[in-house]
């Protein structure tokens, strides 16, 4: 009789695993949506005004300036 109980327990374990995977996929989807929103906001800002990044080289100590400039289409 103990053998008959094992398949039900195994099936319940698989169902829990599937639910855990579904929850993790939902969390990943939410995180990807958040990243997409942040990247979109940065891209929109770049299109409206220039963004300048100042980076110091860790090896030689020289300052490196990177300017990102975009232009918006007329009518936007």
C-alpha atoms as a PDB file:
ATOM      1  CA  UNK A   1       0.000   0.000   0.000  1.00  0.00           C
ATOM      2  CA  UNK A   2       2.931   2.325   0.585  1.00  0.00           C
ATOM      3  CA  UNK A   3       3.826   1.937  -3.095  1.00  0.00           C
ATOM      4  CA  UNK A   4       0.438   3.339  -4.145  1.00  0.00           C
ATOM      5  CA  UNK A   5       1.042   6.488  -2.085  1.00  0.00           C
ATOM      6  CA  UNK A   6       4.372   7.246  -3.814  1.00  0.00           C
ATOM      7  CA  UNK A   7       2.972   8.156  -7.264  1.00  0.00           C
ATOM      8  CA  UNK A   8       0.561  10.656  -5.704  1.00  0.00           C
ATOM      9  CA  UNK A   9       3.400  12.224  -3.708  1.00  0.00           C
ATOM     10  CA  UNK A  10       5.578  12.389  -6.810  1.00  0.00           C
ATOM     11  CA  UNK A  11       2.745  14.004  -8.767  1.00  0.00           C
ATOM     12  CA  UNK A  12       2.243  16.590  -6.028  1.00  0.00           C
ATOM     13  CA  UNK A  13       5.973  17.346  -6.039  1.00  0.00           C
ATOM     14  CA  UNK A  14       5.925  17.901  -9.799  1.00  0.00           C
ATOM     15  CA  UNK A  15       2.920  20.200  -9.462  1.00  0.00           C
ATOM     16  CA  UNK A  16       4.791  22.233  -6.828  1.00  0.00           C
ATOM     17  CA  UNK A  17       7.845  22.388  -9.092  1.00  0.00           C
ATOM     18  CA  UNK A  18       5.704  23.621 -11.984  1.00  0.00           C
ATOM     19  CA  UNK A  19       4.110  26.308  -9.794  1.00  0.00           C
ATOM     20  CA  UNK A  20       7.554  27.412  -8.565  1.00  0.00           C
ATOM     21  CA  UNK A  21       8.783  27.653 -12.169  1.00  0.00           C
ATOM     22  CA  UNK A  22       5.686  29.662 -13.137  1.00  0.00           C
ATOM     23  CA  UNK A  23       6.299  32.104 -10.249  1.00  0.00           C
ATOM     24  CA  UNK A  24       9.946  32.501 -11.222  1.00  0.00           C
ATOM     25  CA  UNK A  25       9.035  33.105 -14.861  1.00  0.00           C
ATOM     26  CA  UNK A  26       6.521  35.755 -13.773  1.00  0.00           C
ATOM     27  CA  UNK A  27       9.179  37.452 -11.630  1.00  0.00           C
ATOM     28  CA  UNK A  28      11.627  37.359 -14.549  1.00  0.00           C
ATOM     29  CA  UNK A  29       8.985  38.819 -16.859  1.00  0.00           C
ATOM     30  CA  UNK A  30       8.353  41.675 -14.395  1.00  0.00           C
ATOM     31  CA  UNK A  31      12.075  42.375 -14.104  1.00  0.00           C
ATOM     32  CA  UNK A  32      12.484  42.423 -17.880  1.00  0.00           C
ATOM     33  CA  UNK A  33       9.551  44.850 -18.148  1.00  0.00           C
ATOM     34  CA  UNK A  34      11.237  47.107 -15.593  1.00  0.00           C
ATOM     35  CA  UNK A  35      14.532  47.003 -17.472  1.00  0.00           C
ATOM     36  CA  UNK A  36      12.706  47.771 -20.722  1.00  0.00           C
ATOM     37  CA  UNK A  37      11.040  50.785 -19.103  1.00  0.00           C
ATOM     38  CA  UNK A  38      14.385  52.107 -17.812  1.00  0.00           C
ATOM     39  CA  UNK A  39      16.120  51.659 -21.166  1.00  0.00           C
ATOM     40  CA  UNK A  40      13.231  53.380 -22.936  1.00  0.00           C
ATOM     41  CA  UNK A  41      13.381  56.319 -20.523  1.00  0.00           C
ATOM     42  CA  UNK A  42      17.132  56.701 -21.072  1.00  0.00           C
ATOM     43  CA  UNK A  43      16.736  56.504 -24.854  1.00  0.00           C
ATOM     44  CA  UNK A  44      13.999  59.155 -24.782  1.00  0.00           C
ATOM     45  CA  UNK A  45      16.203  61.423 -22.676  1.00  0.00           C
ATOM     46  CA  UNK A  46      19.124  60.996 -25.055  1.00  0.00           C
ATOM     47  CA  UNK A  47      16.891  61.939 -27.968  1.00  0.00           C
ATOM     48  CA  UNK A  48      15.882  65.176 -26.203  1.00  0.00           C
ATOM     49  CA  UNK A  49      19.216  66.334 -24.787  1.00  0.00           C
ATOM     50  CA  UNK A  50      22.830  65.215 -24.898  1.00  0.00           C
ATOM     51  CA  UNK A  51      24.215  62.867 -22.270  1.00  0.00           C
ATOM     52  CA  UNK A  52      27.906  62.999 -21.360  1.00  0.00           C
ATOM     53  CA  UNK A  53      29.704  60.211 -19.518  1.00  0.00           C
ATOM     54  CA  UNK A  54      33.039  60.996 -17.845  1.00  0.00           C
ATOM     55  CA  UNK A  55      35.051  57.872 -17.079  1.00  0.00           C
ATOM     56  CA  UNK A  56      38.485  57.663 -15.475  1.00  0.00           C
ATOM     57  CA  UNK A  57      40.711  54.879 -16.768  1.00  0.00           C
ATOM     58  CA  UNK A  58      41.646  52.624 -13.819  1.00  0.00           C
ATOM     59  CA  UNK A  59      45.050  51.856 -15.364  1.00  0.00           C
ATOM     60  CA  UNK A  60      46.435  55.201 -16.518  1.00  0.00           C
ATOM     61  CA  UNK A  61      44.129  57.627 -14.684  1.00  0.00           C
ATOM     62  CA  UNK A  62      43.235  59.497 -17.880  1.00  0.00           C
ATOM     63  CA  UNK A  63      39.737  60.997 -18.113  1.00  0.00           C
ATOM     64  CA  UNK A  64      37.630  59.771 -21.008  1.00  0.00           C
ATOM     65  CA  UNK A  65      34.571  61.721 -22.098  1.00  0.00           C
ATOM     66  CA  UNK A  66      31.821  60.002 -24.069  1.00  0.00           C
ATOM     67  CA  UNK A  67      29.058  62.190 -25.459  1.00  0.00           C
ATOM     68  CA  UNK A  68      25.832  60.663 -26.746  1.00  0.00           C
ATOM     69  CA  UNK A  69      23.772  63.026 -28.842  1.00  0.00           C
ATOM     70  CA  UNK A  70      20.504  62.323 -30.596  1.00  0.00           C
ATOM     71  CA  UNK A  71      17.930  64.290 -32.476  1.00  0.00           C
ATOM     72  CA  UNK A  72      14.198  63.938 -32.430  1.00  0.00           C
ATOM     73  CA  UNK A  73      12.111  63.706 -35.555  1.00  0.00           C
ATOM     74  CA  UNK A  74      10.151  66.835 -36.482  1.00  0.00           C
ATOM     75  CA  UNK A  75       6.616  66.833 -35.142  1.00  0.00           C
ATOM     76  CA  UNK A  76       7.334  64.953 -31.943  1.00  0.00           C
END
